[in-house]
Amino acid sequence: MIIHKILEREEGFRATPYRCTNGFPTVGIGQKIGDENDPLPKFVLPKSVAWAWVDANIAEIKPA
């Protein structure tokens, strides 16, 4: 999928939670996992699961 290539280039992949440039807890391929002041949880996300999460989000998008 072309969207995979775009997301991988723009977001990259991180297996452990981090704060994005806007301060939100994030993991995988730019997946927000909490609010700005939430603590960072400790876990490791396999890349295959990150892509499955992305694909699930894409499947929910309904064209206008």
PDB file of N, CA and C in Angstrom:
ATOM      1  N   MET A   1       0.837  -1.193   0.000  1.00  0.00           N
ATOM      2  CA  MET A   1       0.000   0.000   0.000  1.00  0.00           C
ATOM      3  C   MET A   1       0.878   1.252   0.000  1.00  0.00           C
ATOM      4  N   ILE A   2       0.482   2.209  -0.768  1.00  0.00           N
ATOM      5  CA  ILE A   2       1.227   3.471  -0.837  1.00  0.00           C
ATOM      6  C   ILE A   2       1.174   4.196   0.510  1.00  0.00           C
ATOM      7  N   ILE A   3       0.061   4.066   1.217  1.00  0.00           N
ATOM      8  CA  ILE A   3      -0.047   4.743   2.519  1.00  0.00           C
ATOM      9  C   ILE A   3       0.994   4.218   3.503  1.00  0.00           C
ATOM     10  N   HIS A   4       1.344   2.933   3.399  1.00  0.00           N
ATOM     11  CA  HIS A   4       2.384   2.376   4.273  1.00  0.00           C
ATOM     12  C   HIS A   4       3.722   3.073   4.026  1.00  0.00           C
ATOM     13  N   LYS A   5       4.057   3.270   2.769  1.00  0.00           N
ATOM     14  CA  LYS A   5       5.325   3.917   2.435  1.00  0.00           C
ATOM     15  C   LYS A   5       5.353   5.359   2.943  1.00  0.00           C
ATOM     16  N   ILE A   6       4.233   6.048   2.779  1.00  0.00           N
ATOM     17  CA  ILE A   6       4.150   7.438   3.239  1.00  0.00           C
ATOM     18  C   ILE A   6       4.274   7.504   4.761  1.00  0.00           C
ATOM     19  N   LEU A   7       3.528   6.661   5.456  1.00  0.00           N
ATOM     20  CA  LEU A   7       3.568   6.673   6.922  1.00  0.00           C
ATOM     21  C   LEU A   7       4.942   6.284   7.458  1.00  0.00           C
ATOM     22  N   GLU A   8       5.546   5.284   6.837  1.00  0.00           N
ATOM     23  CA  GLU A   8       6.867   4.864   7.303  1.00  0.00           C
ATOM     24  C   GLU A   8       7.896   5.982   7.122  1.00  0.00           C
ATOM     25  N   ARG A   9       7.793   6.716   6.027  1.00  0.00           N
ATOM     26  CA  ARG A   9       8.716   7.829   5.789  1.00  0.00           C
ATOM     27  C   ARG A   9       8.432   8.992   6.746  1.00  0.00           C
ATOM     28  N   GLU A  10       7.163   9.325   6.921  1.00  0.00           N
ATOM     29  CA  GLU A  10       6.795  10.493   7.731  1.00  0.00           C
ATOM     30  C   GLU A  10       6.843  10.238   9.233  1.00  0.00           C
ATOM     31  N   GLU A  11       6.368   9.082   9.650  1.00  0.00           N
ATOM     32  CA  GLU A  11       6.257   8.786  11.085  1.00  0.00           C
ATOM     33  C   GLU A  11       7.402   7.933  11.616  1.00  0.00           C
ATOM     34  N   GLY A  12       7.915   7.044  10.778  1.00  0.00           N
ATOM     35  CA  GLY A  12       8.909   6.101  11.271  1.00  0.00           C
ATOM     36  C   GLY A  12       8.249   5.069  12.175  1.00  0.00           C
ATOM     37  N   PHE A  13       9.060   4.280  12.850  1.00  0.00           N
ATOM     38  CA  PHE A  13       8.546   3.262  13.766  1.00  0.00           C
ATOM     39  C   PHE A  13       9.347   3.301  15.048  1.00  0.00           C
ATOM     40  N   ARG A  14       8.632   3.266  16.170  1.00  0.00           N
ATOM     41  CA  ARG A  14       9.271   3.135  17.480  1.00  0.00           C
ATOM     42  C   ARG A  14       8.517   2.065  18.253  1.00  0.00           C
ATOM     43  N   ALA A  15       9.248   1.077  18.715  1.00  0.00           N
ATOM     44  CA  ALA A  15       8.652  -0.059  19.419  1.00  0.00           C
ATOM     45  C   ALA A  15       8.237   0.278  20.850  1.00  0.00           C
ATOM     46  N   THR A  16       8.837   1.302  21.419  1.00  0.00           N
ATOM     47  CA  THR A  16       8.495   1.678  22.794  1.00  0.00           C
ATOM     48  C   THR A  16       7.844   3.063  22.801  1.00  0.00           C
ATOM     49  N   PRO A  17       6.969   3.310  23.761  1.00  0.00           N
ATOM     50  CA  PRO A  17       6.283   4.600  23.827  1.00  0.00           C
ATOM     51  C   PRO A  17       7.250   5.784  23.971  1.00  0.00           C
ATOM     52  N   TYR A  18       6.868   6.887  23.363  1.00  0.00           N
ATOM     53  CA  TYR A  18       7.644   8.130  23.386  1.00  0.00           C
ATOM     54  C   TYR A  18       6.663   9.292  23.317  1.00  0.00           C
ATOM     55  N   ARG A  19       7.163  10.499  23.497  1.00  0.00           N
ATOM     56  CA  ARG A  19       6.316  11.692  23.340  1.00  0.00           C
ATOM     57  C   ARG A  19       6.535  12.260  21.941  1.00  0.00           C
ATOM     58  N   CYS A  20       5.443  12.474  21.222  1.00  0.00           N
ATOM     59  CA  CYS A  20       5.536  13.069  19.893  1.00  0.00           C
ATOM     60  C   CYS A  20       5.904  14.547  20.031  1.00  0.00           C
ATOM     61  N   THR A  21       6.081  15.210  18.919  1.00  0.00           N
ATOM     62  CA  THR A  21       6.469  16.620  18.956  1.00  0.00           C
ATOM     63  C   THR A  21       5.416  17.516  19.603  1.00  0.00           C
ATOM     64  N   ASN A  22       4.169  17.019  19.697  1.00  0.00           N
ATOM     65  CA  ASN A  22       3.104  17.772  20.375  1.00  0.00           C
ATOM     66  C   ASN A  22       2.945  17.360  21.832  1.00  0.00           C
ATOM     67  N   GLY A  23       3.784  16.447  22.318  1.00  0.00           N
ATOM     68  CA  GLY A  23       3.784  16.061  23.726  1.00  0.00           C
ATOM     69  C   GLY A  23       2.885  14.901  24.103  1.00  0.00           C
ATOM     70  N   PHE A  24       2.255  14.252  23.129  1.00  0.00           N
ATOM     71  CA  PHE A  24       1.352  13.140  23.426  1.00  0.00           C
ATOM     72  C   PHE A  24       2.102  11.813  23.469  1.00  0.00           C
ATOM     73  N   PRO A  25       1.730  10.922  24.394  1.00  0.00           N
ATOM     74  CA  PRO A  25       2.305   9.578  24.375  1.00  0.00           C
ATOM     75  C   PRO A  25       1.944   8.896  23.056  1.00  0.00           C
ATOM     76  N   THR A  26       2.944   8.321  22.419  1.00  0.00           N
ATOM     77  CA  THR A  26       2.798   7.765  21.083  1.00  0.00           C
ATOM     78  C   THR A  26       3.620   6.489  21.001  1.00  0.00           C
ATOM     79  N   VAL A  27       3.235   5.587  20.093  1.00  0.00           N
ATOM     80  CA  VAL A  27       3.992   4.350  19.904  1.00  0.00           C
ATOM     81  C   VAL A  27       3.800   3.858  18.482  1.00  0.00           C
ATOM     82  N   GLY A  28       4.642   2.945  18.076  1.00  0.00           N
ATOM     83  CA  GLY A  28       4.490   2.308  16.775  1.00  0.00           C
ATOM     84  C   GLY A  28       4.743   3.265  15.634  1.00  0.00           C
ATOM     85  N   ILE A  29       3.754   3.442  14.772  1.00  0.00           N
ATOM     86  CA  ILE A  29       3.864   4.286  13.593  1.00  0.00           C
ATOM     87  C   ILE A  29       2.995   5.525  13.801  1.00  0.00           C
ATOM     88  N   GLY A  30       3.383   6.322  14.817  1.00  0.00           N
ATOM     89  CA  GLY A  30       2.683   7.568  15.092  1.00  0.00           C
ATOM     90  C   GLY A  30       1.311   7.401  15.730  1.00  0.00           C
ATOM     91  N   GLN A  31       1.098   6.305  16.456  1.00  0.00           N
ATOM     92  CA  GLN A  31      -0.207   6.048  17.074  1.00  0.00           C
ATOM     93  C   GLN A  31      -0.288   6.698  18.451  1.00  0.00           C
ATOM     94  N   LYS A  32      -1.125   7.718  18.584  1.00  0.00           N
ATOM     95  CA  LYS A  32      -1.337   8.390  19.873  1.00  0.00           C
ATOM     96  C   LYS A  32      -1.999   7.416  20.836  1.00  0.00           C
ATOM     97  N   ILE A  33      -1.440   7.307  22.053  1.00  0.00           N
ATOM     98  CA  ILE A  33      -1.980   6.346  23.026  1.00  0.00           C
ATOM     99  C   ILE A  33      -2.404   7.002  24.333  1.00  0.00           C
ATOM    100  N   GLY A  34      -2.466   8.314  24.360  1.00  0.00           N
ATOM    101  CA  GLY A  34      -2.900   8.968  25.587  1.00  0.00           C
ATOM    102  C   GLY A  34      -2.978  10.469  25.421  1.00  0.00           C
ATOM    103  N   ASP A  35      -3.320  11.119  26.523  1.00  0.00           N
ATOM    104  CA  ASP A  35      -3.404  12.577  26.542  1.00  0.00           C
ATOM    105  C   ASP A  35      -2.054  13.185  26.912  1.00  0.00           C
ATOM    106  N   GLU A  36      -1.948  14.461  26.677  1.00  0.00           N
ATOM    107  CA  GLU A  36      -0.684  15.184  26.831  1.00  0.00           C
ATOM    108  C   GLU A  36       0.028  14.935  28.162  1.00  0.00           C
ATOM    109  N   ASN A  37      -0.681  14.909  29.251  1.00  0.00           N
ATOM    110  CA  ASN A  37      -0.049  14.778  30.563  1.00  0.00           C
ATOM    111  C   ASN A  37       0.012  13.344  31.079  1.00  0.00           C
ATOM    112  N   ASP A  38      -0.444  12.392  30.295  1.00  0.00           N
ATOM    113  CA  ASP A  38      -0.400  10.991  30.721  1.00  0.00           C
ATOM    114  C   ASP A  38       1.040  10.494  30.782  1.00  0.00           C
ATOM    115  N   PRO A  39       1.327   9.627  31.753  1.00  0.00           N
ATOM    116  CA  PRO A  39       2.677   9.058  31.812  1.00  0.00           C
ATOM    117  C   PRO A  39       2.900   8.088  30.650  1.00  0.00           C
ATOM    118  N   LEU A  40       4.154   7.874  30.320  1.00  0.00           N
ATOM    119  CA  LEU A  40       4.486   6.919  29.270  1.00  0.00           C
ATOM    120  C   LEU A  40       4.454   5.504  29.844  1.00  0.00           C
ATOM    121  N   PRO A  41       3.624   4.634  29.283  1.00  0.00           N
ATOM    122  CA  PRO A  41       3.633   3.248  29.749  1.00  0.00           C
ATOM    123  C   PRO A  41       4.908   2.556  29.260  1.00  0.00           C
ATOM    124  N   LYS A  42       5.224   1.443  29.865  1.00  0.00           N
ATOM    125  CA  LYS A  42       6.419   0.688  29.467  1.00  0.00           C
ATOM    126  C   LYS A  42       5.984  -0.618  28.829  1.00  0.00           C
ATOM    127  N   PHE A  43       6.221  -0.740  27.534  1.00  0.00           N
ATOM    128  CA  PHE A  43       5.974  -1.984  26.815  1.00  0.00           C
ATOM    129  C   PHE A  43       6.697  -1.907  25.477  1.00  0.00           C
ATOM    130  N   VAL A  44       6.769  -3.037  24.808  1.00  0.00           N
ATOM    131  CA  VAL A  44       7.387  -3.108  23.489  1.00  0.00           C
ATOM    132  C   VAL A  44       6.328  -3.580  22.501  1.00  0.00           C
ATOM    133  N   LEU A  45       6.153  -2.834  21.425  1.00  0.00           N
ATOM    134  CA  LEU A  45       5.162  -3.141  20.403  1.00  0.00           C
ATOM    135  C   LEU A  45       5.869  -3.723  19.180  1.00  0.00           C
ATOM    136  N   PRO A  46       5.574  -4.969  18.817  1.00  0.00           N
ATOM    137  CA  PRO A  46       6.185  -5.523  17.607  1.00  0.00           C
ATOM    138  C   PRO A  46       5.752  -4.737  16.365  1.00  0.00           C
ATOM    139  N   LYS A  47       6.632  -4.628  15.393  1.00  0.00           N
ATOM    140  CA  LYS A  47       6.335  -3.873  14.180  1.00  0.00           C
ATOM    141  C   LYS A  47       5.129  -4.450  13.449  1.00  0.00           C
ATOM    142  N   SER A  48       4.972  -5.771  13.462  1.00  0.00           N
ATOM    143  CA  SER A  48       3.822  -6.384  12.789  1.00  0.00           C
ATOM    144  C   SER A  48       2.507  -5.948  13.433  1.00  0.00           C
ATOM    145  N   VAL A  49       2.509  -5.768  14.730  1.00  0.00           N
ATOM    146  CA  VAL A  49       1.311  -5.302  15.439  1.00  0.00           C
ATOM    147  C   VAL A  49       1.053  -3.834  15.127  1.00  0.00           C
ATOM    148  N   ALA A  50       2.115  -3.047  15.037  1.00  0.00           N
ATOM    149  CA  ALA A  50       1.966  -1.628  14.686  1.00  0.00           C
ATOM    150  C   ALA A  50       1.309  -1.485  13.315  1.00  0.00           C
ATOM    151  N   TRP A  51       1.735  -2.299  12.350  1.00  0.00           N
ATOM    152  CA  TRP A  51       1.133  -2.229  11.012  1.00  0.00           C
ATOM    153  C   TRP A  51      -0.302  -2.730  11.023  1.00  0.00           C
ATOM    154  N   ALA A  52      -0.596  -3.746  11.830  1.00  0.00           N
ATOM    155  CA  ALA A  52      -1.983  -4.223  11.941  1.00  0.00           C
ATOM    156  C   ALA A  52      -2.862  -3.119  12.517  1.00  0.00           C
ATOM    157  N   TRP A  53      -2.347  -2.367  13.467  1.00  0.00           N
ATOM    158  CA  TRP A  53      -3.070  -1.249  14.070  1.00  0.00           C
ATOM    159  C   TRP A  53      -3.338  -0.173  13.018  1.00  0.00           C
ATOM    160  N   VAL A  54      -2.318   0.152  12.224  1.00  0.00           N
ATOM    161  CA  VAL A  54      -2.477   1.124  11.140  1.00  0.00           C
ATOM    162  C   VAL A  54      -3.551   0.646  10.161  1.00  0.00           C
ATOM    163  N   ASP A  55      -3.468  -0.618   9.766  1.00  0.00           N
ATOM    164  CA  ASP A  55      -4.439  -1.163   8.812  1.00  0.00           C
ATOM    165  C   ASP A  55      -5.864  -1.129   9.367  1.00  0.00           C
ATOM    166  N   ALA A  56      -6.004  -1.385  10.667  1.00  0.00           N
ATOM    167  CA  ALA A  56      -7.330  -1.315  11.291  1.00  0.00           C
ATOM    168  C   ALA A  56      -7.860   0.124  11.250  1.00  0.00           C
ATOM    169  N   ASN A  57      -6.986   1.091  11.494  1.00  0.00           N
ATOM    170  CA  ASN A  57      -7.399   2.498  11.427  1.00  0.00           C
ATOM    171  C   ASN A  57      -7.782   2.892  10.010  1.00  0.00           C
ATOM    172  N   ILE A  58      -7.019   2.437   9.041  1.00  0.00           N
ATOM    173  CA  ILE A  58      -7.313   2.737   7.637  1.00  0.00           C
ATOM    174  C   ILE A  58      -8.660   2.146   7.246  1.00  0.00           C
ATOM    175  N   ALA A  59      -8.932   0.933   7.703  1.00  0.00           N
ATOM    176  CA  ALA A  59     -10.200   0.253   7.358  1.00  0.00           C
ATOM    177  C   ALA A  59     -11.413   1.005   7.874  1.00  0.00           C
ATOM    178  N   GLU A  60     -11.233   1.790   8.942  1.00  0.00           N
ATOM    179  CA  GLU A  60     -12.349   2.543   9.505  1.00  0.00           C
ATOM    180  C   GLU A  60     -12.632   3.858   8.782  1.00  0.00           C
ATOM    181  N   ILE A  61     -11.704   4.282   7.922  1.00  0.00           N
ATOM    182  CA  ILE A  61     -11.890   5.530   7.190  1.00  0.00           C
ATOM    183  C   ILE A  61     -12.932   5.322   6.104  1.00  0.00           C
ATOM    184  N   LYS A  62     -13.916   6.185   6.120  1.00  0.00           N
ATOM    185  CA  LYS A  62     -14.988   6.103   5.127  1.00  0.00           C
ATOM    186  C   LYS A  62     -14.826   7.268   4.152  1.00  0.00           C
ATOM    187  N   PRO A  63     -14.716   6.986   2.870  1.00  0.00           N
ATOM    188  CA  PRO A  63     -14.575   8.081   1.898  1.00  0.00           C
ATOM    189  C   PRO A  63     -15.794   9.004   1.904  1.00  0.00           C
ATOM    190  N   ALA A  64     -15.539  10.276   1.660  1.00  0.00           N
ATOM    191  CA  ALA A  64     -16.630  11.258   1.643  1.00  0.00           C
ATOM    192  C   ALA A  64     -17.402  11.183   0.359  1.00  0.00           C
TER     193      ALA A  64
END
